[in-house]
């Protein structure tokens, strides 16, 4: 599992700037740990986003447990891979998933759809 989650949203405001947001919750650790992780994310972003980021988009890195112990080079490879997947044309699996979703034949969901983890009728 990667040491972060990457969210990217195109702003569609005509500005080609690449913006970055970083968040690391208290679940990850104390202030020292969170700040260290944010420093590592900023360094990765300075190195990788100018060449691999999406112009005119907001990029948000969300720190995950285990990210602070992960090797800096491994984090860099994971960020490159994530950005590459965003900019690459969709593969066969993604196209099939999109076709199934459009046809309303996605994977069956567990539960009653309430999102509360309770049986229907309560």
PDB file of N, CA and C in Angstrom:
ATOM      1  N   UNK A   1       0.849  -1.172   0.000  1.00  0.00           N
ATOM      2  CA  UNK A   1       0.000   0.000   0.000  1.00  0.00           C
ATOM      3  C   UNK A   1       0.898   1.240   0.000  1.00  0.00           C
ATOM      4  N   UNK A   2       0.570   2.209  -0.860  1.00  0.00           N
ATOM      5  CA  UNK A   2       1.416   3.404  -0.918  1.00  0.00           C
ATOM      6  C   UNK A   2       1.324   4.227   0.360  1.00  0.00           C
ATOM      7  N   UNK A   3       2.284   5.112   0.546  1.00  0.00           N
ATOM      8  CA  UNK A   3       2.330   5.945   1.737  1.00  0.00           C
ATOM      9  C   UNK A   3       1.454   7.177   1.644  1.00  0.00           C
ATOM     10  N   UNK A   4       0.660   7.274   0.583  1.00  0.00           N
ATOM     11  CA  UNK A   4      -0.187   8.446   0.405  1.00  0.00           C
ATOM     12  C   UNK A   4      -1.331   8.107  -0.545  1.00  0.00           C
ATOM     13  N   UNK A   5      -2.321   8.991  -0.565  1.00  0.00           N
ATOM     14  CA  UNK A   5      -3.382   8.964  -1.565  1.00  0.00           C
ATOM     15  C   UNK A   5      -3.231  10.256  -2.356  1.00  0.00           C
ATOM     16  N   UNK A   6      -3.350  10.176  -3.665  1.00  0.00           N
ATOM     17  CA  UNK A   6      -3.243  11.352  -4.523  1.00  0.00           C
ATOM     18  C   UNK A   6      -4.602  11.654  -5.118  1.00  0.00           C
ATOM     19  N   UNK A   7      -5.076  12.874  -4.911  1.00  0.00           N
ATOM     20  CA  UNK A   7      -6.300  13.350  -5.541  1.00  0.00           C
ATOM     21  C   UNK A   7      -5.907  14.457  -6.516  1.00  0.00           C
ATOM     22  N   UNK A   8      -6.466  14.427  -7.709  1.00  0.00           N
ATOM     23  CA  UNK A   8      -6.183  15.451  -8.704  1.00  0.00           C
ATOM     24  C   UNK A   8      -7.516  15.922  -9.276  1.00  0.00           C
ATOM     25  N   UNK A   9      -7.684  17.237  -9.316  1.00  0.00           N
ATOM     26  CA  UNK A   9      -8.909  17.816  -9.862  1.00  0.00           C
ATOM     27  C   UNK A   9      -8.532  18.970 -10.778  1.00  0.00           C
ATOM     28  N   UNK A  10      -8.963  18.885 -12.033  1.00  0.00           N
ATOM     29  CA  UNK A  10      -8.711  19.974 -12.966  1.00  0.00           C
ATOM     30  C   UNK A  10      -9.608  21.147 -12.601  1.00  0.00           C
ATOM     31  N   UNK A  11      -9.022  22.347 -12.582  1.00  0.00           N
ATOM     32  CA  UNK A  11      -9.767  23.530 -12.144  1.00  0.00           C
ATOM     33  C   UNK A  11     -10.620  24.128 -13.250  1.00  0.00           C
ATOM     34  N   UNK A  12     -10.218  23.995 -14.494  1.00  0.00           N
ATOM     35  CA  UNK A  12     -10.934  24.535 -15.648  1.00  0.00           C
ATOM     36  C   UNK A  12     -11.150  26.045 -15.527  1.00  0.00           C
ATOM     37  N   UNK A  13     -10.125  26.748 -15.033  1.00  0.00           N
ATOM     38  CA  UNK A  13     -10.218  28.201 -14.915  1.00  0.00           C
ATOM     39  C   UNK A  13      -9.260  28.914 -15.869  1.00  0.00           C
ATOM     40  N   UNK A  14      -8.602  28.149 -16.740  1.00  0.00           N
ATOM     41  CA  UNK A  14      -7.695  28.743 -17.706  1.00  0.00           C
ATOM     42  C   UNK A  14      -6.294  29.009 -17.180  1.00  0.00           C
ATOM     43  N   UNK A  15      -6.078  28.823 -15.892  1.00  0.00           N
ATOM     44  CA  UNK A  15      -4.762  29.044 -15.290  1.00  0.00           C
ATOM     45  C   UNK A  15      -3.966  27.738 -15.368  1.00  0.00           C
ATOM     46  N   UNK A  16      -2.791  27.727 -16.029  1.00  0.00           N
ATOM     47  CA  UNK A  16      -2.042  26.484 -16.175  1.00  0.00           C
ATOM     48  C   UNK A  16      -1.219  26.096 -14.939  1.00  0.00           C
ATOM     49  N   UNK A  17      -1.315  26.864 -13.872  1.00  0.00           N
ATOM     50  CA  UNK A  17      -0.507  26.579 -12.678  1.00  0.00           C
ATOM     51  C   UNK A  17      -0.882  25.227 -12.067  1.00  0.00           C
ATOM     52  N   UNK A  18       0.135  24.535 -11.577  1.00  0.00           N
ATOM     53  CA  UNK A  18      -0.057  23.281 -10.844  1.00  0.00           C
ATOM     54  C   UNK A  18      -0.064  23.634  -9.361  1.00  0.00           C
ATOM     55  N   UNK A  19      -1.179  23.378  -8.684  1.00  0.00           N
ATOM     56  CA  UNK A  19      -1.262  23.700  -7.261  1.00  0.00           C
ATOM     57  C   UNK A  19      -1.177  22.416  -6.441  1.00  0.00           C
ATOM     58  N   UNK A  20      -0.678  22.559  -5.226  1.00  0.00           N
ATOM     59  CA  UNK A  20      -0.458  21.410  -4.349  1.00  0.00           C
ATOM     60  C   UNK A  20      -1.088  21.656  -2.991  1.00  0.00           C
ATOM     61  N   UNK A  21      -1.729  20.631  -2.484  1.00  0.00           N
ATOM     62  CA  UNK A  21      -2.235  20.629  -1.117  1.00  0.00           C
ATOM     63  C   UNK A  21      -1.728  19.370  -0.433  1.00  0.00           C
ATOM     64  N   UNK A  22      -1.420  19.480   0.837  1.00  0.00           N
ATOM     65  CA  UNK A  22      -0.909  18.337   1.600  1.00  0.00           C
ATOM     66  C   UNK A  22      -1.682  18.259   2.901  1.00  0.00           C
ATOM     67  N   UNK A  23      -2.111  17.051   3.253  1.00  0.00           N
ATOM     68  CA  UNK A  23      -2.771  16.864   4.532  1.00  0.00           C
ATOM     69  C   UNK A  23      -2.288  15.564   5.164  1.00  0.00           C
ATOM     70  N   UNK A  24      -2.011  15.634   6.454  1.00  0.00           N
ATOM     71  CA  UNK A  24      -1.602  14.466   7.233  1.00  0.00           C
ATOM     72  C   UNK A  24      -2.355  14.560   8.557  1.00  0.00           C
ATOM     73  N   UNK A  25      -3.196  13.579   8.840  1.00  0.00           N
ATOM     74  CA  UNK A  25      -4.038  13.648  10.028  1.00  0.00           C
ATOM     75  C   UNK A  25      -3.293  13.227  11.287  1.00  0.00           C
ATOM     76  N   UNK A  26      -3.891  13.510  12.425  1.00  0.00           N
ATOM     77  CA  UNK A  26      -3.298  13.150  13.711  1.00  0.00           C
ATOM     78  C   UNK A  26      -3.222  11.644  13.911  1.00  0.00           C
ATOM     79  N   UNK A  27      -4.009  10.889  13.148  1.00  0.00           N
ATOM     80  CA  UNK A  27      -3.935   9.429  13.248  1.00  0.00           C
ATOM     81  C   UNK A  27      -2.561   8.912  12.842  1.00  0.00           C
ATOM     82  N   UNK A  28      -1.860   9.665  12.015  1.00  0.00           N
ATOM     83  CA  UNK A  28      -0.543   9.253  11.535  1.00  0.00           C
ATOM     84  C   UNK A  28       0.504   9.376  12.631  1.00  0.00           C
ATOM     85  N   UNK A  29       0.368  10.390  13.461  1.00  0.00           N
ATOM     86  CA  UNK A  29       1.339  10.576  14.540  1.00  0.00           C
ATOM     87  C   UNK A  29       1.273  11.983  15.090  1.00  0.00           C
ATOM     88  N   UNK A  30       2.225  12.304  15.941  1.00  0.00           N
ATOM     89  CA  UNK A  30       2.295  13.620  16.550  1.00  0.00           C
ATOM     90  C   UNK A  30       2.758  14.672  15.555  1.00  0.00           C
ATOM     91  N   UNK A  31       2.880  15.900  16.043  1.00  0.00           N
ATOM     92  CA  UNK A  31       3.231  17.025  15.182  1.00  0.00           C
ATOM     93  C   UNK A  31       4.571  16.825  14.481  1.00  0.00           C
ATOM     94  N   UNK A  32       5.536  16.274  15.177  1.00  0.00           N
ATOM     95  CA  UNK A  32       6.861  16.076  14.585  1.00  0.00           C
ATOM     96  C   UNK A  32       6.778  15.111  13.400  1.00  0.00           C
ATOM     97  N   UNK A  33       6.060  14.019  13.577  1.00  0.00           N
ATOM     98  CA  UNK A  33       5.910  13.017  12.515  1.00  0.00           C
ATOM     99  C   UNK A  33       5.141  13.610  11.339  1.00  0.00           C
ATOM    100  N   UNK A  34       4.050  14.305  11.629  1.00  0.00           N
ATOM    101  CA  UNK A  34       3.238  14.896  10.561  1.00  0.00           C
ATOM    102  C   UNK A  34       4.030  15.934   9.776  1.00  0.00           C
ATOM    103  N   UNK A  35       4.776  16.769  10.468  1.00  0.00           N
ATOM    104  CA  UNK A  35       5.569  17.790   9.778  1.00  0.00           C
ATOM    105  C   UNK A  35       6.679  17.176   8.937  1.00  0.00           C
ATOM    106  N   UNK A  36       7.288  16.108   9.434  1.00  0.00           N
ATOM    107  CA  UNK A  36       8.328  15.431   8.659  1.00  0.00           C
ATOM    108  C   UNK A  36       7.736  14.859   7.366  1.00  0.00           C
ATOM    109  N   UNK A  37       6.551  14.267   7.487  1.00  0.00           N
ATOM    110  CA  UNK A  37       5.905  13.700   6.317  1.00  0.00           C
ATOM    111  C   UNK A  37       5.541  14.805   5.314  1.00  0.00           C
ATOM    112  N   UNK A  38       5.056  15.923   5.806  1.00  0.00           N
ATOM    113  CA  UNK A  38       4.713  17.040   4.914  1.00  0.00           C
ATOM    114  C   UNK A  38       5.959  17.597   4.229  1.00  0.00           C
ATOM    115  N   UNK A  39       7.075  17.662   4.936  1.00  0.00           N
ATOM    116  CA  UNK A  39       8.327  18.121   4.315  1.00  0.00           C
ATOM    117  C   UNK A  39       8.748  17.182   3.192  1.00  0.00           C
ATOM    118  N   UNK A  40       8.613  15.888   3.419  1.00  0.00           N
ATOM    119  CA  UNK A  40       8.967  14.910   2.388  1.00  0.00           C
ATOM    120  C   UNK A  40       8.043  15.059   1.173  1.00  0.00           C
ATOM    121  N   UNK A  41       6.752  15.264   1.415  1.00  0.00           N
ATOM    122  CA  UNK A  41       5.810  15.448   0.311  1.00  0.00           C
ATOM    123  C   UNK A  41       6.129  16.713  -0.489  1.00  0.00           C
ATOM    124  N   UNK A  42       6.484  17.798   0.218  1.00  0.00           N
ATOM    125  CA  UNK A  42       6.828  19.039  -0.482  1.00  0.00           C
ATOM    126  C   UNK A  42       8.066  18.842  -1.352  1.00  0.00           C
ATOM    127  N   UNK A  43       9.063  18.139  -0.825  1.00  0.00           N
ATOM    128  CA  UNK A  43      10.285  17.876  -1.595  1.00  0.00           C
ATOM    129  C   UNK A  43       9.971  17.020  -2.825  1.00  0.00           C
ATOM    130  N   UNK A  44       9.140  15.996  -2.660  1.00  0.00           N
ATOM    131  CA  UNK A  44       8.746  15.165  -3.800  1.00  0.00           C
ATOM    132  C   UNK A  44       8.005  15.994  -4.843  1.00  0.00           C
ATOM    133  N   UNK A  45       7.111  16.842  -4.382  1.00  0.00           N
ATOM    134  CA  UNK A  45       6.312  17.650  -5.302  1.00  0.00           C
ATOM    135  C   UNK A  45       7.203  18.615  -6.089  1.00  0.00           C
ATOM    136  N   UNK A  46       8.172  19.237  -5.410  1.00  0.00           N
ATOM    137  CA  UNK A  46       9.088  20.150  -6.113  1.00  0.00           C
ATOM    138  C   UNK A  46       9.860  19.418  -7.201  1.00  0.00           C
ATOM    139  N   UNK A  47      10.184  18.167  -6.933  1.00  0.00           N
ATOM    140  CA  UNK A  47      10.986  17.376  -7.856  1.00  0.00           C
ATOM    141  C   UNK A  47      10.153  16.797  -9.007  1.00  0.00           C
ATOM    142  N   UNK A  48       8.946  16.325  -8.711  1.00  0.00           N
ATOM    143  CA  UNK A  48       8.190  15.522  -9.679  1.00  0.00           C
ATOM    144  C   UNK A  48       7.058  16.283 -10.372  1.00  0.00           C
ATOM    145  N   UNK A  49       6.341  17.124  -9.661  1.00  0.00           N
ATOM    146  CA  UNK A  49       5.168  17.772 -10.263  1.00  0.00           C
ATOM    147  C   UNK A  49       5.485  18.638 -11.483  1.00  0.00           C
ATOM    148  N   UNK A  50       6.587  19.383 -11.508  1.00  0.00           N
ATOM    149  CA  UNK A  50       6.831  20.200 -12.700  1.00  0.00           C
ATOM    150  C   UNK A  50       6.917  19.396 -13.999  1.00  0.00           C
ATOM    151  N   UNK A  51       7.411  18.166 -13.936  1.00  0.00           N
ATOM    152  CA  UNK A  51       7.536  17.377 -15.166  1.00  0.00           C
ATOM    153  C   UNK A  51       6.399  16.378 -15.357  1.00  0.00           C
ATOM    154  N   UNK A  52       5.717  15.962 -14.284  1.00  0.00           N
ATOM    155  CA  UNK A  52       4.699  14.916 -14.420  1.00  0.00           C
ATOM    156  C   UNK A  52       3.311  15.344 -13.972  1.00  0.00           C
ATOM    157  N   UNK A  53       3.196  16.505 -13.339  1.00  0.00           N
ATOM    158  CA  UNK A  53       1.898  16.961 -12.867  1.00  0.00           C
ATOM    159  C   UNK A  53       1.003  17.396 -14.014  1.00  0.00           C
ATOM    160  N   UNK A  54      -0.255  17.572 -13.720  1.00  0.00           N
ATOM    161  CA  UNK A  54      -1.239  17.972 -14.716  1.00  0.00           C
ATOM    162  C   UNK A  54      -1.427  19.478 -14.624  1.00  0.00           C
ATOM    163  N   UNK A  55      -1.141  20.167 -15.724  1.00  0.00           N
ATOM    164  CA  UNK A  55      -1.253  21.627 -15.750  1.00  0.00           C
ATOM    165  C   UNK A  55      -2.703  22.037 -15.540  1.00  0.00           C
ATOM    166  N   UNK A  56      -2.899  23.083 -14.755  1.00  0.00           N
ATOM    167  CA  UNK A  56      -4.241  23.591 -14.498  1.00  0.00           C
ATOM    168  C   UNK A  56      -5.045  22.734 -13.542  1.00  0.00           C
ATOM    169  N   UNK A  57      -4.349  21.958 -12.705  1.00  0.00           N
ATOM    170  CA  UNK A  57      -5.043  21.061 -11.787  1.00  0.00           C
ATOM    171  C   UNK A  57      -4.545  21.259 -10.362  1.00  0.00           C
ATOM    172  N   UNK A  58      -5.396  20.912  -9.425  1.00  0.00           N
ATOM    173  CA  UNK A  58      -5.028  20.877  -8.015  1.00  0.00           C
ATOM    174  C   UNK A  58      -4.624  19.448  -7.680  1.00  0.00           C
ATOM    175  N   UNK A  59      -3.487  19.277  -7.051  1.00  0.00           N
ATOM    176  CA  UNK A  59      -2.987  17.971  -6.629  1.00  0.00           C
ATOM    177  C   UNK A  59      -2.979  17.959  -5.108  1.00  0.00           C
ATOM    178  N   UNK A  60      -3.604  16.961  -4.510  1.00  0.00           N
ATOM    179  CA  UNK A  60      -3.658  16.857  -3.056  1.00  0.00           C
ATOM    180  C   UNK A  60      -3.047  15.527  -2.645  1.00  0.00           C
ATOM    181  N   UNK A  61      -2.040  15.596  -1.783  1.00  0.00           N
ATOM    182  CA  UNK A  61      -1.412  14.397  -1.221  1.00  0.00           C
ATOM    183  C   UNK A  61      -1.938  14.212   0.197  1.00  0.00           C
ATOM    184  N   UNK A  62      -2.491  13.044   0.456  1.00  0.00           N
ATOM    185  CA  UNK A  62      -3.011  12.714   1.778  1.00  0.00           C
ATOM    186  C   UNK A  62      -2.104  11.640   2.360  1.00  0.00           C
ATOM    187  N   UNK A  63      -1.416  11.971   3.436  1.00  0.00           N
ATOM    188  CA  UNK A  63      -0.489  11.034   4.057  1.00  0.00           C
ATOM    189  C   UNK A  63      -1.210   9.849   4.673  1.00  0.00           C
ATOM    190  N   UNK A  64      -0.646   8.677   4.503  1.00  0.00           N
ATOM    191  CA  UNK A  64      -1.195   7.445   5.062  1.00  0.00           C
ATOM    192  C   UNK A  64      -0.202   6.828   6.028  1.00  0.00           C
ATOM    193  N   UNK A  65      -0.736   5.995   6.902  1.00  0.00           N
ATOM    194  CA  UNK A  65       0.084   5.316   7.893  1.00  0.00           C
ATOM    195  C   UNK A  65       1.168   4.503   7.185  1.00  0.00           C
ATOM    196  N   UNK A  66       2.353   4.572   7.658  1.00  0.00           N
ATOM    197  CA  UNK A  66       3.471   3.858   7.050  1.00  0.00           C
ATOM    198  C   UNK A  66       4.232   4.694   6.045  1.00  0.00           C
ATOM    199  N   UNK A  67       3.711   5.832   5.665  1.00  0.00           N
ATOM    200  CA  UNK A  67       4.377   6.681   4.684  1.00  0.00           C
ATOM    201  C   UNK A  67       5.651   7.294   5.211  1.00  0.00           C
ATOM    202  N   UNK A  68       5.723   7.522   6.506  1.00  0.00           N
ATOM    203  CA  UNK A  68       6.905   8.163   7.071  1.00  0.00           C
ATOM    204  C   UNK A  68       8.091   7.199   7.099  1.00  0.00           C
ATOM    205  N   UNK A  69       7.820   5.900   7.242  1.00  0.00           N
ATOM    206  CA  UNK A  69       8.902   4.912   7.260  1.00  0.00           C
ATOM    207  C   UNK A  69       9.337   4.512   5.857  1.00  0.00           C
ATOM    208  N   UNK A  70       8.510   4.813   4.867  1.00  0.00           N
ATOM    209  CA  UNK A  70       8.809   4.402   3.505  1.00  0.00           C
ATOM    210  C   UNK A  70      10.007   5.173   2.954  1.00  0.00           C
ATOM    211  N   UNK A  71      10.811   4.479   2.187  1.00  0.00           N
ATOM    212  CA  UNK A  71      11.991   5.057   1.552  1.00  0.00           C
ATOM    213  C   UNK A  71      11.583   6.210   0.633  1.00  0.00           C
ATOM    214  N   UNK A  72      12.353   7.292   0.656  1.00  0.00           N
ATOM    215  CA  UNK A  72      12.045   8.479  -0.143  1.00  0.00           C
ATOM    216  C   UNK A  72      11.970   8.136  -1.638  1.00  0.00           C
ATOM    217  N   UNK A  73      12.881   7.311  -2.107  1.00  0.00           N
ATOM    218  CA  UNK A  73      12.883   6.919  -3.518  1.00  0.00           C
ATOM    219  C   UNK A  73      11.625   6.128  -3.861  1.00  0.00           C
ATOM    220  N   UNK A  74      11.177   5.275  -2.937  1.00  0.00           N
ATOM    221  CA  UNK A  74       9.954   4.503  -3.169  1.00  0.00           C
ATOM    222  C   UNK A  74       8.745   5.430  -3.252  1.00  0.00           C
ATOM    223  N   UNK A  75       8.692   6.425  -2.374  1.00  0.00           N
ATOM    224  CA  UNK A  75       7.600   7.397  -2.445  1.00  0.00           C
ATOM    225  C   UNK A  75       7.618   8.124  -3.787  1.00  0.00           C
ATOM    226  N   UNK A  76       8.812   8.477  -4.247  1.00  0.00           N
ATOM    227  CA  UNK A  76       8.933   9.146  -5.542  1.00  0.00           C
ATOM    228  C   UNK A  76       8.432   8.280  -6.680  1.00  0.00           C
ATOM    229  N   UNK A  77       8.795   6.993  -6.655  1.00  0.00           N
ATOM    230  CA  UNK A  77       8.317   6.075  -7.697  1.00  0.00           C
ATOM    231  C   UNK A  77       6.802   5.936  -7.650  1.00  0.00           C
ATOM    232  N   UNK A  78       6.243   5.875  -6.439  1.00  0.00           N
ATOM    233  CA  UNK A  78       4.786   5.745  -6.303  1.00  0.00           C
ATOM    234  C   UNK A  78       4.073   6.988  -6.828  1.00  0.00           C
ATOM    235  N   UNK A  79       4.638   8.169  -6.561  1.00  0.00           N
ATOM    236  CA  UNK A  79       4.026   9.398  -7.060  1.00  0.00           C
ATOM    237  C   UNK A  79       4.113   9.455  -8.581  1.00  0.00           C
ATOM    238  N   UNK A  80       5.254   9.093  -9.143  1.00  0.00           N
ATOM    239  CA  UNK A  80       5.408   9.051 -10.605  1.00  0.00           C
ATOM    240  C   UNK A  80       4.395   8.093 -11.216  1.00  0.00           C
ATOM    241  N   UNK A  81       4.240   6.928 -10.604  1.00  0.00           N
ATOM    242  CA  UNK A  81       3.306   5.929 -11.118  1.00  0.00           C
ATOM    243  C   UNK A  81       1.870   6.446 -11.070  1.00  0.00           C
ATOM    244  N   UNK A  82       1.500   7.066  -9.950  1.00  0.00           N
ATOM    245  CA  UNK A  82       0.141   7.587  -9.807  1.00  0.00           C
ATOM    246  C   UNK A  82      -0.138   8.678 -10.843  1.00  0.00           C
ATOM    247  N   UNK A  83       0.818   9.584 -11.032  1.00  0.00           N
ATOM    248  CA  UNK A  83       0.627  10.645 -12.017  1.00  0.00           C
ATOM    249  C   UNK A  83       0.612  10.079 -13.430  1.00  0.00           C
ATOM    250  N   UNK A  84       1.407   9.049 -13.680  1.00  0.00           N
ATOM    251  CA  UNK A  84       1.407   8.401 -14.988  1.00  0.00           C
ATOM    252  C   UNK A  84       0.089   7.731 -15.298  1.00  0.00           C
ATOM    253  N   UNK A  85      -0.527   7.141 -14.287  1.00  0.00           N
ATOM    254  CA  UNK A  85      -1.822   6.498 -14.493  1.00  0.00           C
ATOM    255  C   UNK A  85      -2.898   7.531 -14.817  1.00  0.00           C
ATOM    256  N   UNK A  86      -2.769   8.721 -14.252  1.00  0.00           N
ATOM    257  CA  UNK A  86      -3.752   9.766 -14.529  1.00  0.00           C
ATOM    258  C   UNK A  86      -3.640  10.300 -15.944  1.00  0.00           C
ATOM    259  N   UNK A  87      -2.415  10.390 -16.445  1.00  0.00           N
ATOM    260  CA  UNK A  87      -2.215  10.991 -17.762  1.00  0.00           C
ATOM    261  C   UNK A  87      -2.251   9.971 -18.896  1.00  0.00           C
ATOM    262  N   UNK A  88      -2.215   8.684 -18.580  1.00  0.00           N
ATOM    263  CA  UNK A  88      -2.221   7.645 -19.612  1.00  0.00           C
ATOM    264  C   UNK A  88      -3.645   7.417 -20.124  1.00  0.00           C
ATOM    265  N   UNK A  89      -3.775   7.011 -21.382  1.00  0.00           N
ATOM    266  CA  UNK A  89      -5.104   6.677 -21.881  1.00  0.00           C
ATOM    267  C   UNK A  89      -5.635   5.459 -21.128  1.00  0.00           C
ATOM    268  N   UNK A  90      -6.947   5.352 -20.987  1.00  0.00           N
ATOM    269  CA  UNK A  90      -7.493   4.244 -20.215  1.00  0.00           C
ATOM    270  C   UNK A  90      -7.178   2.896 -20.850  1.00  0.00           C
ATOM    271  N   UNK A  91      -6.851   1.948 -19.999  1.00  0.00           N
ATOM    272  CA  UNK A  91      -6.563   0.601 -20.461  1.00  0.00           C
ATOM    273  C   UNK A  91      -7.845  -0.188 -20.648  1.00  0.00           C
ATOM    274  N   UNK A  92      -7.713  -1.427 -21.046  1.00  0.00           N
ATOM    275  CA  UNK A  92      -8.880  -2.270 -21.312  1.00  0.00           C
ATOM    276  C   UNK A  92      -9.735  -2.474 -20.059  1.00  0.00           C
ATOM    277  N   UNK A  93      -9.085  -2.657 -18.892  1.00  0.00           N
ATOM    278  CA  UNK A  93      -9.855  -2.855 -17.657  1.00  0.00           C
ATOM    279  C   UNK A  93     -10.699  -1.629 -17.337  1.00  0.00           C
ATOM    280  N   UNK A  94     -10.105  -0.447 -17.478  1.00  0.00           N
ATOM    281  CA  UNK A  94     -10.838   0.777 -17.181  1.00  0.00           C
ATOM    282  C   UNK A  94     -11.990   0.974 -18.150  1.00  0.00           C
ATOM    283  N   UNK A  95     -11.761   0.662 -19.434  1.00  0.00           N
ATOM    284  CA  UNK A  95     -12.829   0.803 -20.417  1.00  0.00           C
ATOM    285  C   UNK A  95     -13.974  -0.155 -20.125  1.00  0.00           C
ATOM    286  N   UNK A  96     -13.657  -1.397 -19.783  1.00  0.00           N
ATOM    287  CA  UNK A  96     -14.692  -2.377 -19.453  1.00  0.00           C
ATOM    288  C   UNK A  96     -15.460  -1.949 -18.212  1.00  0.00           C
ATOM    289  N   UNK A  97     -14.742  -1.445 -17.210  1.00  0.00           N
ATOM    290  CA  UNK A  97     -15.398  -0.968 -15.985  1.00  0.00           C
ATOM    291  C   UNK A  97     -16.337   0.192 -16.300  1.00  0.00           C
ATOM    292  N   UNK A  98     -15.905   1.100 -17.173  1.00  0.00           N
ATOM    293  CA  UNK A  98     -16.747   2.237 -17.554  1.00  0.00           C
ATOM    294  C   UNK A  98     -17.973   1.774 -18.331  1.00  0.00           C
ATOM    295  N   UNK A  99     -17.803   0.789 -19.213  1.00  0.00           N
ATOM    296  CA  UNK A  99     -18.947   0.259 -19.966  1.00  0.00           C
ATOM    297  C   UNK A  99     -19.955  -0.392 -19.037  1.00  0.00           C
ATOM    298  N   UNK A 100     -19.460  -1.182 -18.087  1.00  0.00           N
ATOM    299  CA  UNK A 100     -20.363  -1.850 -17.145  1.00  0.00           C
ATOM    300  C   UNK A 100     -21.081  -0.838 -16.264  1.00  0.00           C
ATOM    301  N   UNK A 101     -20.342   0.183 -15.842  1.00  0.00           N
ATOM    302  CA  UNK A 101     -20.952   1.216 -14.995  1.00  0.00           C
ATOM    303  C   UNK A 101     -22.041   1.967 -15.758  1.00  0.00           C
ATOM    304  N   UNK A 102     -21.765   2.300 -17.020  1.00  0.00           N
ATOM    305  CA  UNK A 102     -22.742   3.024 -17.835  1.00  0.00           C
ATOM    306  C   UNK A 102     -23.989   2.178 -18.081  1.00  0.00           C
ATOM    307  N   UNK A 103     -23.806   0.865 -18.182  1.00  0.00           N
ATOM    308  CA  UNK A 103     -24.938  -0.031 -18.414  1.00  0.00           C
ATOM    309  C   UNK A 103     -25.656  -0.389 -17.115  1.00  0.00           C
ATOM    310  N   UNK A 104     -25.140   0.086 -15.990  1.00  0.00           N
ATOM    311  CA  UNK A 104     -25.773  -0.222 -14.709  1.00  0.00           C
ATOM    312  C   UNK A 104     -25.489  -1.619 -14.212  1.00  0.00           C
ATOM    313  N   UNK A 105     -24.417  -2.215 -14.719  1.00  0.00           N
ATOM    314  CA  UNK A 105     -24.086  -3.591 -14.351  1.00  0.00           C
ATOM    315  C   UNK A 105     -22.782  -3.652 -13.579  1.00  0.00           C
ATOM    316  N   UNK A 106     -22.568  -2.713 -12.691  1.00  0.00           N
ATOM    317  CA  UNK A 106     -21.350  -2.717 -11.893  1.00  0.00           C
ATOM    318  C   UNK A 106     -21.345  -3.880 -10.928  1.00  0.00           C
ATOM    319  N   UNK A 107     -20.287  -4.006 -10.192  1.00  0.00           N
ATOM    320  CA  UNK A 107     -20.176  -5.084  -9.214  1.00  0.00           C
ATOM    321  C   UNK A 107     -21.274  -4.936  -8.171  1.00  0.00           C
ATOM    322  N   UNK A 108     -21.850  -6.050  -7.724  1.00  0.00           N
ATOM    323  CA  UNK A 108     -22.899  -5.961  -6.705  1.00  0.00           C
ATOM    324  C   UNK A 108     -22.349  -5.373  -5.421  1.00  0.00           C
ATOM    325  N   UNK A 109     -23.158  -4.584  -4.778  1.00  0.00           N
ATOM    326  CA  UNK A 109     -22.750  -3.942  -3.537  1.00  0.00           C
ATOM    327  C   UNK A 109     -23.223  -4.749  -2.348  1.00  0.00           C
ATOM    328  N   UNK A 110     -22.458  -4.666  -1.265  1.00  0.00           N
ATOM    329  CA  UNK A 110     -22.855  -5.323  -0.034  1.00  0.00           C
ATOM    330  C   UNK A 110     -23.791  -4.410   0.727  1.00  0.00           C
ATOM    331  N   UNK A 111     -24.675  -4.988   1.479  1.00  0.00           N
ATOM    332  CA  UNK A 111     -25.552  -4.199   2.340  1.00  0.00           C
ATOM    333  C   UNK A 111     -26.749  -3.654   1.595  1.00  0.00           C
ATOM    334  N   UNK A 112     -27.485  -2.782   2.270  1.00  0.00           N
ATOM    335  CA  UNK A 112     -28.709  -2.240   1.707  1.00  0.00           C
ATOM    336  C   UNK A 112     -28.505  -0.892   1.042  1.00  0.00           C
ATOM    337  N   UNK A 113     -27.275  -0.399   0.974  1.00  0.00           N
ATOM    338  CA  UNK A 113     -27.003   0.863   0.311  1.00  0.00           C
ATOM    339  C   UNK A 113     -27.135   2.074   1.207  1.00  0.00           C
ATOM    340  N   UNK A 114     -27.491   1.865   2.482  1.00  0.00           N
ATOM    341  CA  UNK A 114     -27.652   3.010   3.373  1.00  0.00           C
ATOM    342  C   UNK A 114     -26.304   3.562   3.813  1.00  0.00           C
ATOM    343  N   UNK A 115     -25.261   2.737   3.726  1.00  0.00           N
ATOM    344  CA  UNK A 115     -23.927   3.180   4.140  1.00  0.00           C
ATOM    345  C   UNK A 115     -23.737   3.148   5.637  1.00  0.00           C
ATOM    346  N   UNK A 116     -24.732   2.661   6.371  1.00  0.00           N
ATOM    347  CA  UNK A 116     -24.652   2.673   7.820  1.00  0.00           C
ATOM    348  C   UNK A 116     -24.288   1.307   8.404  1.00  0.00           C
ATOM    349  N   UNK A 117     -24.194   0.287   7.552  1.00  0.00           N
ATOM    350  CA  UNK A 117     -23.825  -1.037   8.054  1.00  0.00           C
ATOM    351  C   UNK A 117     -24.933  -1.697   8.843  1.00  0.00           C
ATOM    352  N   UNK A 118     -26.187  -1.257   8.643  1.00  0.00           N
ATOM    353  CA  UNK A 118     -27.318  -1.832   9.363  1.00  0.00           C
ATOM    354  C   UNK A 118     -28.242  -2.550   8.379  1.00  0.00           C
ATOM    355  N   UNK A 119     -28.976  -3.532   8.869  1.00  0.00           N
ATOM    356  CA  UNK A 119     -29.951  -4.202   8.001  1.00  0.00           C
ATOM    357  C   UNK A 119     -31.047  -3.233   7.575  1.00  0.00           C
ATOM    358  N   UNK A 120     -31.676  -3.511   6.441  1.00  0.00           N
ATOM    359  CA  UNK A 120     -32.766  -2.656   5.945  1.00  0.00           C
ATOM    360  C   UNK A 120     -33.931  -2.705   6.922  1.00  0.00           C
ATOM    361  N   UNK A 121     -34.691  -1.630   6.986  1.00  0.00           N
ATOM    362  CA  UNK A 121     -35.870  -1.592   7.830  1.00  0.00           C
ATOM    363  C   UNK A 121     -35.637  -1.038   9.206  1.00  0.00           C
ATOM    364  N   UNK A 122     -34.440  -0.640   9.526  1.00  0.00           N
ATOM    365  CA  UNK A 122     -34.179  -0.093  10.872  1.00  0.00           C
ATOM    366  C   UNK A 122     -33.976   1.379  10.818  1.00  0.00           C
TER     367      UNK A 122
END
